[in-house]
């Protein structure tokens, strides 16, 4: 059995990834890292084995967490992310720092803390980036910047870790995902900031998508878990950023 460690696994894409791993007949055991648990959780139905509570932007807490882990990790998925939507002049330094520290600094801190473990397993690291790294979305300067950083960090990690330690590093860049808490937050804020109706906002968004519809989290999870379920499927993806939906 192989072990997966994933950040931000209780909602949205993270939860969909966990669900997909759970369908692989016990081949993978999933452990997760979140800053806080959902307010209501039926522990009898959890699909992951263990959850660690940790602010991944806090270096000391991440290091303490890593010291607790005494088992091999085969796959690390840096999935946790936050967003803040507003006109750039209205974004506070604290809001900017929260987005950057979670979406970029957090990837570096968690990977750094678990690196010796991953060296032992010659494991795989997946960074969940976003197509926001390529698209200058209005109201999203902090998020766009953080995802741009996450994208180049993924390529940098691949250069350092593949040849030296045999660790495959790649990223996935989903479009806005349907039905997630972050997507709902974005939809509400766009209506507020632009003075649109929800229908106008929805029409504007769908016109910009080549597929004409939002990507479903489970579709992204299905592809990612298929790639990760056999090393030969992702061996040559190291250093790549897979764009999923434009």
C-alpha atoms as a PDB file:
ATOM      1  CA  UNK A   1       0.000   0.000   0.000  1.00  0.00           C
ATOM      2  CA  UNK A   2       1.219   3.479  -0.887  1.00  0.00           C
ATOM      3  CA  UNK A   3       0.685   6.591   1.199  1.00  0.00           C
ATOM      4  CA  UNK A   4      -0.651   9.894  -0.117  1.00  0.00           C
ATOM      5  CA  UNK A   5      -0.347  13.166   1.787  1.00  0.00           C
ATOM      6  CA  UNK A   6      -2.643  15.932   0.552  1.00  0.00           C
ATOM      7  CA  UNK A   7      -3.211  19.455   1.818  1.00  0.00           C
ATOM      8  CA  UNK A   8      -6.697  20.975   1.776  1.00  0.00           C
ATOM      9  CA  UNK A   9      -8.443  17.609   1.450  1.00  0.00           C
ATOM     10  CA  UNK A  10     -11.810  18.269   3.104  1.00  0.00           C
ATOM     11  CA  UNK A  11     -13.461  20.421   0.430  1.00  0.00           C
ATOM     12  CA  UNK A  12     -13.748  20.827  -3.333  1.00  0.00           C
ATOM     13  CA  UNK A  13     -11.042  19.308  -5.496  1.00  0.00           C
ATOM     14  CA  UNK A  14      -9.184  17.911  -2.487  1.00  0.00           C
ATOM     15  CA  UNK A  15     -12.225  15.955  -1.343  1.00  0.00           C
ATOM     16  CA  UNK A  16     -12.798  14.701  -4.904  1.00  0.00           C
ATOM     17  CA  UNK A  17      -9.195  13.464  -5.063  1.00  0.00           C
ATOM     18  CA  UNK A  18      -9.571  11.617  -1.773  1.00  0.00           C
ATOM     19  CA  UNK A  19     -12.780  10.002  -3.011  1.00  0.00           C
ATOM     20  CA  UNK A  20     -11.073   8.800  -6.178  1.00  0.00           C
ATOM     21  CA  UNK A  21      -8.171   7.261  -4.268  1.00  0.00           C
ATOM     22  CA  UNK A  22     -10.696   5.489  -2.024  1.00  0.00           C
ATOM     23  CA  UNK A  23     -12.093   3.718  -5.080  1.00  0.00           C
ATOM     24  CA  UNK A  24      -8.796   1.957  -5.817  1.00  0.00           C
ATOM     25  CA  UNK A  25      -9.444  -1.085  -3.593  1.00  0.00           C
ATOM     26  CA  UNK A  26      -7.066  -0.232  -0.782  1.00  0.00           C
ATOM     27  CA  UNK A  27      -4.026   0.422  -2.957  1.00  0.00           C
ATOM     28  CA  UNK A  28      -3.550   3.865  -1.402  1.00  0.00           C
ATOM     29  CA  UNK A  29      -3.888   5.243   2.112  1.00  0.00           C
ATOM     30  CA  UNK A  30      -4.641   8.978   2.243  1.00  0.00           C
ATOM     31  CA  UNK A  31      -3.523  11.355   4.977  1.00  0.00           C
ATOM     32  CA  UNK A  32      -4.404  15.040   4.954  1.00  0.00           C
ATOM     33  CA  UNK A  33      -3.348  18.444   6.245  1.00  0.00           C
ATOM     34  CA  UNK A  34      -5.825  21.281   6.869  1.00  0.00           C
ATOM     35  CA  UNK A  35      -5.793  24.421   8.984  1.00  0.00           C
ATOM     36  CA  UNK A  36      -9.216  23.572  10.445  1.00  0.00           C
ATOM     37  CA  UNK A  37     -11.873  20.893  10.137  1.00  0.00           C
ATOM     38  CA  UNK A  38     -15.319  21.527   8.660  1.00  0.00           C
ATOM     39  CA  UNK A  39     -17.896  22.445  11.334  1.00  0.00           C
ATOM     40  CA  UNK A  40     -19.863  19.216  10.871  1.00  0.00           C
ATOM     41  CA  UNK A  41     -18.117  15.992   9.969  1.00  0.00           C
ATOM     42  CA  UNK A  42     -19.349  12.406  10.149  1.00  0.00           C
ATOM     43  CA  UNK A  43     -16.135  10.643  11.128  1.00  0.00           C
ATOM     44  CA  UNK A  44     -17.613   7.233  10.345  1.00  0.00           C
ATOM     45  CA  UNK A  45     -17.700   8.106   6.654  1.00  0.00           C
ATOM     46  CA  UNK A  46     -14.229   9.619   6.292  1.00  0.00           C
ATOM     47  CA  UNK A  47     -12.247   8.308   3.344  1.00  0.00           C
ATOM     48  CA  UNK A  48      -8.826   9.329   4.676  1.00  0.00           C
ATOM     49  CA  UNK A  49      -6.934   7.683   7.491  1.00  0.00           C
ATOM     50  CA  UNK A  50      -5.499  10.655   9.341  1.00  0.00           C
ATOM     51  CA  UNK A  51      -5.840  14.429   9.353  1.00  0.00           C
ATOM     52  CA  UNK A  52      -3.246  16.824  10.717  1.00  0.00           C
ATOM     53  CA  UNK A  53      -4.276  20.327  11.742  1.00  0.00           C
ATOM     54  CA  UNK A  54      -1.629  22.782  10.589  1.00  0.00           C
ATOM     55  CA  UNK A  55      -1.332  26.270   9.116  1.00  0.00           C
ATOM     56  CA  UNK A  56       0.894  25.426   6.138  1.00  0.00           C
ATOM     57  CA  UNK A  57       2.135  29.022   5.897  1.00  0.00           C
ATOM     58  CA  UNK A  58       3.686  28.771   9.386  1.00  0.00           C
ATOM     59  CA  UNK A  59       7.194  27.308   9.110  1.00  0.00           C
ATOM     60  CA  UNK A  60       7.491  26.165  12.731  1.00  0.00           C
ATOM     61  CA  UNK A  61       4.141  24.394  12.671  1.00  0.00           C
ATOM     62  CA  UNK A  62       4.959  22.667   9.401  1.00  0.00           C
ATOM     63  CA  UNK A  63       8.320  21.512  10.754  1.00  0.00           C
ATOM     64  CA  UNK A  64       6.646  20.206  13.924  1.00  0.00           C
ATOM     65  CA  UNK A  65       4.096  18.330  11.851  1.00  0.00           C
ATOM     66  CA  UNK A  66       6.798  16.740   9.692  1.00  0.00           C
ATOM     67  CA  UNK A  67       8.574  15.548  12.842  1.00  0.00           C
ATOM     68  CA  UNK A  68       5.435  13.609  13.800  1.00  0.00           C
ATOM     69  CA  UNK A  69       5.361  11.615  10.581  1.00  0.00           C
ATOM     70  CA  UNK A  70       7.239   8.349  11.011  1.00  0.00           C
ATOM     71  CA  UNK A  71       6.013   6.499   7.924  1.00  0.00           C
ATOM     72  CA  UNK A  72       6.968   6.746   4.233  1.00  0.00           C
ATOM     73  CA  UNK A  73       5.109   9.127   1.924  1.00  0.00           C
ATOM     74  CA  UNK A  74       4.919   8.106  -1.705  1.00  0.00           C
ATOM     75  CA  UNK A  75       2.843  10.993  -3.075  1.00  0.00           C
ATOM     76  CA  UNK A  76       2.551  14.587  -1.868  1.00  0.00           C
ATOM     77  CA  UNK A  77      -0.280  16.667  -3.328  1.00  0.00           C
ATOM     78  CA  UNK A  78      -0.021  20.385  -2.533  1.00  0.00           C
ATOM     79  CA  UNK A  79      -3.676  21.250  -3.046  1.00  0.00           C
ATOM     80  CA  UNK A  80      -4.566  23.828  -0.369  1.00  0.00           C
ATOM     81  CA  UNK A  81      -5.415  27.276  -1.661  1.00  0.00           C
ATOM     82  CA  UNK A  82      -7.245  30.470  -0.732  1.00  0.00           C
ATOM     83  CA  UNK A  83      -8.509  33.441  -2.704  1.00  0.00           C
ATOM     84  CA  UNK A  84      -9.386  37.072  -2.083  1.00  0.00           C
ATOM     85  CA  UNK A  85     -11.441  38.952  -4.672  1.00  0.00           C
ATOM     86  CA  UNK A  86     -11.385  42.749  -4.890  1.00  0.00           C
ATOM     87  CA  UNK A  87     -10.058  45.657  -6.900  1.00  0.00           C
ATOM     88  CA  UNK A  88      -6.289  45.765  -6.451  1.00  0.00           C
ATOM     89  CA  UNK A  89      -6.333  49.127  -4.634  1.00  0.00           C
ATOM     90  CA  UNK A  90      -8.707  47.730  -2.003  1.00  0.00           C
ATOM     91  CA  UNK A  91      -6.657  44.665  -1.091  1.00  0.00           C
ATOM     92  CA  UNK A  92      -4.908  45.007   2.252  1.00  0.00           C
ATOM     93  CA  UNK A  93      -1.376  43.824   2.929  1.00  0.00           C
ATOM     94  CA  UNK A  94      -2.777  41.182   5.296  1.00  0.00           C
ATOM     95  CA  UNK A  95      -5.100  39.800   2.626  1.00  0.00           C
ATOM     96  CA  UNK A  96      -2.274  39.790   0.072  1.00  0.00           C
ATOM     97  CA  UNK A  97       0.024  37.961   2.498  1.00  0.00           C
ATOM     98  CA  UNK A  98      -2.602  35.351   3.366  1.00  0.00           C
ATOM     99  CA  UNK A  99      -3.116  34.424  -0.281  1.00  0.00           C
ATOM    100  CA  UNK A 100       0.582  34.416  -1.177  1.00  0.00           C
ATOM    101  CA  UNK A 101       1.633  32.600   1.991  1.00  0.00           C
ATOM    102  CA  UNK A 102      -0.900  29.808   1.533  1.00  0.00           C
ATOM    103  CA  UNK A 103      -0.745  29.345  -2.221  1.00  0.00           C
ATOM    104  CA  UNK A 104       3.003  29.736  -2.756  1.00  0.00           C
ATOM    105  CA  UNK A 105       4.923  29.758   0.541  1.00  0.00           C
ATOM    106  CA  UNK A 106       2.827  26.811   1.788  1.00  0.00           C
ATOM    107  CA  UNK A 107       3.867  24.637  -1.153  1.00  0.00           C
ATOM    108  CA  UNK A 108       7.519  25.357  -0.464  1.00  0.00           C
ATOM    109  CA  UNK A 109       7.265  24.822   3.300  1.00  0.00           C
ATOM    110  CA  UNK A 110       5.387  21.520   3.131  1.00  0.00           C
ATOM    111  CA  UNK A 111       7.605  20.139   0.368  1.00  0.00           C
ATOM    112  CA  UNK A 112      10.756  21.215   2.174  1.00  0.00           C
ATOM    113  CA  UNK A 113       9.594  19.685   5.458  1.00  0.00           C
ATOM    114  CA  UNK A 114       8.719  16.324   3.875  1.00  0.00           C
ATOM    115  CA  UNK A 115      11.626  16.216   1.443  1.00  0.00           C
ATOM    116  CA  UNK A 116      13.812  13.710   3.302  1.00  0.00           C
ATOM    117  CA  UNK A 117      10.832  11.382   3.473  1.00  0.00           C
ATOM    118  CA  UNK A 118      10.158  11.738  -0.254  1.00  0.00           C
ATOM    119  CA  UNK A 119      13.823  11.158  -1.064  1.00  0.00           C
ATOM    120  CA  UNK A 120      13.600   7.762   0.631  1.00  0.00           C
ATOM    121  CA  UNK A 121      10.606   6.703  -1.449  1.00  0.00           C
ATOM    122  CA  UNK A 122      11.686   8.488  -4.652  1.00  0.00           C
ATOM    123  CA  UNK A 123       8.164   9.792  -4.497  1.00  0.00           C
ATOM    124  CA  UNK A 124       5.976  12.080  -6.551  1.00  0.00           C
ATOM    125  CA  UNK A 125       4.940  15.680  -5.876  1.00  0.00           C
ATOM    126  CA  UNK A 126       1.912  17.271  -7.512  1.00  0.00           C
ATOM    127  CA  UNK A 127       1.228  20.978  -7.109  1.00  0.00           C
ATOM    128  CA  UNK A 128      -2.333  22.079  -7.804  1.00  0.00           C
ATOM    129  CA  UNK A 129      -1.738  25.393  -9.542  1.00  0.00           C
ATOM    130  CA  UNK A 130      -4.456  27.073 -11.644  1.00  0.00           C
ATOM    131  CA  UNK A 131      -5.013  28.474 -15.087  1.00  0.00           C
ATOM    132  CA  UNK A 132      -5.047  31.794 -13.217  1.00  0.00           C
ATOM    133  CA  UNK A 133      -1.259  31.712 -13.612  1.00  0.00           C
ATOM    134  CA  UNK A 134      -1.818  32.491 -17.311  1.00  0.00           C
ATOM    135  CA  UNK A 135      -5.022  34.550 -17.284  1.00  0.00           C
ATOM    136  CA  UNK A 136      -5.033  38.107 -15.812  1.00  0.00           C
ATOM    137  CA  UNK A 137      -8.435  37.810 -14.161  1.00  0.00           C
ATOM    138  CA  UNK A 138      -9.958  41.068 -12.923  1.00  0.00           C
ATOM    139  CA  UNK A 139     -10.189  41.380  -9.102  1.00  0.00           C
ATOM    140  CA  UNK A 140      -7.675  38.545  -8.581  1.00  0.00           C
ATOM    141  CA  UNK A 141      -4.229  40.127  -8.469  1.00  0.00           C
ATOM    142  CA  UNK A 142      -3.084  38.319  -5.322  1.00  0.00           C
ATOM    143  CA  UNK A 143      -4.444  34.961  -6.459  1.00  0.00           C
ATOM    144  CA  UNK A 144      -3.004  35.325  -9.961  1.00  0.00           C
ATOM    145  CA  UNK A 145       0.392  36.270  -8.541  1.00  0.00           C
ATOM    146  CA  UNK A 146       0.377  33.365  -6.108  1.00  0.00           C
ATOM    147  CA  UNK A 147      -0.486  30.875  -8.827  1.00  0.00           C
ATOM    148  CA  UNK A 148       2.141  32.322 -11.147  1.00  0.00           C
ATOM    149  CA  UNK A 149       4.630  31.744  -8.341  1.00  0.00           C
ATOM    150  CA  UNK A 150       3.330  28.202  -7.784  1.00  0.00           C
ATOM    151  CA  UNK A 151       3.761  27.440 -11.475  1.00  0.00           C
ATOM    152  CA  UNK A 152       7.408  28.469 -11.707  1.00  0.00           C
ATOM    153  CA  UNK A 153       8.088  26.837  -8.331  1.00  0.00           C
ATOM    154  CA  UNK A 154       6.817  23.550  -9.761  1.00  0.00           C
ATOM    155  CA  UNK A 155       9.259  23.715 -12.661  1.00  0.00           C
ATOM    156  CA  UNK A 156      12.089  24.734 -10.335  1.00  0.00           C
ATOM    157  CA  UNK A 157      11.356  21.852  -7.949  1.00  0.00           C
ATOM    158  CA  UNK A 158      11.379  19.409 -10.861  1.00  0.00           C
ATOM    159  CA  UNK A 159      14.819  20.622 -11.964  1.00  0.00           C
ATOM    160  CA  UNK A 160      16.276  20.180  -8.493  1.00  0.00           C
ATOM    161  CA  UNK A 161      14.525  17.025  -7.335  1.00  0.00           C
ATOM    162  CA  UNK A 162      14.211  14.759 -10.377  1.00  0.00           C
ATOM    163  CA  UNK A 163      17.866  14.369 -11.311  1.00  0.00           C
ATOM    164  CA  UNK A 164      19.278  14.577  -7.813  1.00  0.00           C
ATOM    165  CA  UNK A 165      16.749  12.409  -5.981  1.00  0.00           C
ATOM    166  CA  UNK A 166      14.470  10.697  -8.494  1.00  0.00           C
ATOM    167  CA  UNK A 167      11.407  12.646  -7.327  1.00  0.00           C
ATOM    168  CA  UNK A 168       8.888  13.399 -10.066  1.00  0.00           C
ATOM    169  CA  UNK A 169       7.322  16.873  -9.755  1.00  0.00           C
ATOM    170  CA  UNK A 170       4.496  18.158 -11.939  1.00  0.00           C
ATOM    171  CA  UNK A 171       1.522  20.476 -11.661  1.00  0.00           C
ATOM    172  CA  UNK A 172      -2.097  20.608 -12.751  1.00  0.00           C
ATOM    173  CA  UNK A 173      -3.790  23.858 -13.676  1.00  0.00           C
ATOM    174  CA  UNK A 174      -7.578  23.550 -13.530  1.00  0.00           C
ATOM    175  CA  UNK A 175      -9.958  26.220 -14.674  1.00  0.00           C
ATOM    176  CA  UNK A 176     -12.611  27.512 -12.252  1.00  0.00           C
ATOM    177  CA  UNK A 177     -14.231  24.374 -10.851  1.00  0.00           C
ATOM    178  CA  UNK A 178     -17.975  23.974 -10.573  1.00  0.00           C
ATOM    179  CA  UNK A 179     -19.641  24.012  -7.177  1.00  0.00           C
ATOM    180  CA  UNK A 180     -16.625  24.441  -4.908  1.00  0.00           C
ATOM    181  CA  UNK A 181     -16.619  26.854  -1.977  1.00  0.00           C
ATOM    182  CA  UNK A 182     -14.012  28.990  -3.715  1.00  0.00           C
ATOM    183  CA  UNK A 183     -16.060  29.142  -6.919  1.00  0.00           C
ATOM    184  CA  UNK A 184     -19.167  30.183  -4.999  1.00  0.00           C
ATOM    185  CA  UNK A 185     -17.162  32.901  -3.263  1.00  0.00           C
ATOM    186  CA  UNK A 186     -15.844  34.158  -6.618  1.00  0.00           C
ATOM    187  CA  UNK A 187     -19.339  34.188  -8.136  1.00  0.00           C
ATOM    188  CA  UNK A 188     -20.780  36.196  -5.231  1.00  0.00           C
ATOM    189  CA  UNK A 189     -17.939  38.718  -5.215  1.00  0.00           C
ATOM    190  CA  UNK A 190     -18.060  39.290  -8.978  1.00  0.00           C
ATOM    191  CA  UNK A 191     -21.752  40.141  -8.722  1.00  0.00           C
ATOM    192  CA  UNK A 192     -21.044  42.562  -5.868  1.00  0.00           C
ATOM    193  CA  UNK A 193     -18.053  44.249  -7.495  1.00  0.00           C
ATOM    194  CA  UNK A 194     -19.434  44.610 -11.016  1.00  0.00           C
ATOM    195  CA  UNK A 195     -23.075  45.250 -10.205  1.00  0.00           C
ATOM    196  CA  UNK A 196     -24.211  42.328 -12.345  1.00  0.00           C
ATOM    197  CA  UNK A 197     -27.019  39.874 -11.793  1.00  0.00           C
ATOM    198  CA  UNK A 198     -25.970  36.243 -11.153  1.00  0.00           C
ATOM    199  CA  UNK A 199     -27.317  35.388 -14.603  1.00  0.00           C
ATOM    200  CA  UNK A 200     -25.158  38.043 -16.262  1.00  0.00           C
ATOM    201  CA  UNK A 201     -22.077  36.852 -14.396  1.00  0.00           C
ATOM    202  CA  UNK A 202     -22.747  33.235 -15.335  1.00  0.00           C
ATOM    203  CA  UNK A 203     -23.228  34.109 -19.020  1.00  0.00           C
ATOM    204  CA  UNK A 204     -20.011  36.155 -19.070  1.00  0.00           C
ATOM    205  CA  UNK A 205     -18.022  33.307 -17.559  1.00  0.00           C
ATOM    206  CA  UNK A 206     -19.380  30.549 -19.807  1.00  0.00           C
ATOM    207  CA  UNK A 207     -18.734  32.606 -22.954  1.00  0.00           C
ATOM    208  CA  UNK A 208     -15.059  32.697 -22.036  1.00  0.00           C
ATOM    209  CA  UNK A 209     -14.745  28.913 -21.645  1.00  0.00           C
ATOM    210  CA  UNK A 210     -13.897  26.940 -24.774  1.00  0.00           C
ATOM    211  CA  UNK A 211     -15.895  23.934 -23.572  1.00  0.00           C
ATOM    212  CA  UNK A 212     -18.853  26.185 -22.769  1.00  0.00           C
ATOM    213  CA  UNK A 213     -19.170  24.803 -19.261  1.00  0.00           C
ATOM    214  CA  UNK A 214     -17.285  24.700 -15.977  1.00  0.00           C
ATOM    215  CA  UNK A 215     -14.969  21.831 -15.160  1.00  0.00           C
ATOM    216  CA  UNK A 216     -16.284  19.358 -12.601  1.00  0.00           C
ATOM    217  CA  UNK A 217     -13.925  18.651  -9.663  1.00  0.00           C
ATOM    218  CA  UNK A 218     -14.447  14.915 -10.014  1.00  0.00           C
ATOM    219  CA  UNK A 219     -13.279  15.021 -13.632  1.00  0.00           C
ATOM    220  CA  UNK A 220      -9.996  16.628 -12.603  1.00  0.00           C
ATOM    221  CA  UNK A 221      -9.652  14.190  -9.700  1.00  0.00           C
ATOM    222  CA  UNK A 222     -10.335  11.197 -11.939  1.00  0.00           C
ATOM    223  CA  UNK A 223      -7.577  12.186 -14.359  1.00  0.00           C
ATOM    224  CA  UNK A 224      -5.067  13.039 -11.646  1.00  0.00           C
ATOM    225  CA  UNK A 225      -5.597   9.858  -9.638  1.00  0.00           C
ATOM    226  CA  UNK A 226      -5.384   7.770 -12.822  1.00  0.00           C
ATOM    227  CA  UNK A 227      -2.016   9.354 -13.560  1.00  0.00           C
ATOM    228  CA  UNK A 228      -0.777   8.840 -10.009  1.00  0.00           C
ATOM    229  CA  UNK A 229      -2.025   5.298  -9.601  1.00  0.00           C
ATOM    230  CA  UNK A 230       0.841   3.906 -11.709  1.00  0.00           C
ATOM    231  CA  UNK A 231       4.298   5.571 -11.783  1.00  0.00           C
ATOM    232  CA  UNK A 232       4.752   4.832 -15.497  1.00  0.00           C
ATOM    233  CA  UNK A 233       1.741   7.056 -16.280  1.00  0.00           C
ATOM    234  CA  UNK A 234       3.346  10.203 -14.915  1.00  0.00           C
ATOM    235  CA  UNK A 235       7.057   9.410 -15.146  1.00  0.00           C
ATOM    236  CA  UNK A 236       7.663  11.807 -18.030  1.00  0.00           C
ATOM    237  CA  UNK A 237       5.454  14.587 -16.722  1.00  0.00           C
ATOM    238  CA  UNK A 238       8.126  15.904 -14.400  1.00  0.00           C
ATOM    239  CA  UNK A 239       8.419  19.671 -14.850  1.00  0.00           C
ATOM    240  CA  UNK A 240       5.122  19.859 -16.751  1.00  0.00           C
ATOM    241  CA  UNK A 241       2.069  21.954 -15.938  1.00  0.00           C
ATOM    242  CA  UNK A 242      -1.094  20.322 -17.251  1.00  0.00           C
ATOM    243  CA  UNK A 243      -3.658  22.932 -18.221  1.00  0.00           C
ATOM    244  CA  UNK A 244      -7.171  21.562 -17.729  1.00  0.00           C
ATOM    245  CA  UNK A 245      -9.716  23.772 -19.454  1.00  0.00           C
ATOM    246  CA  UNK A 246      -9.345  27.220 -20.984  1.00  0.00           C
END
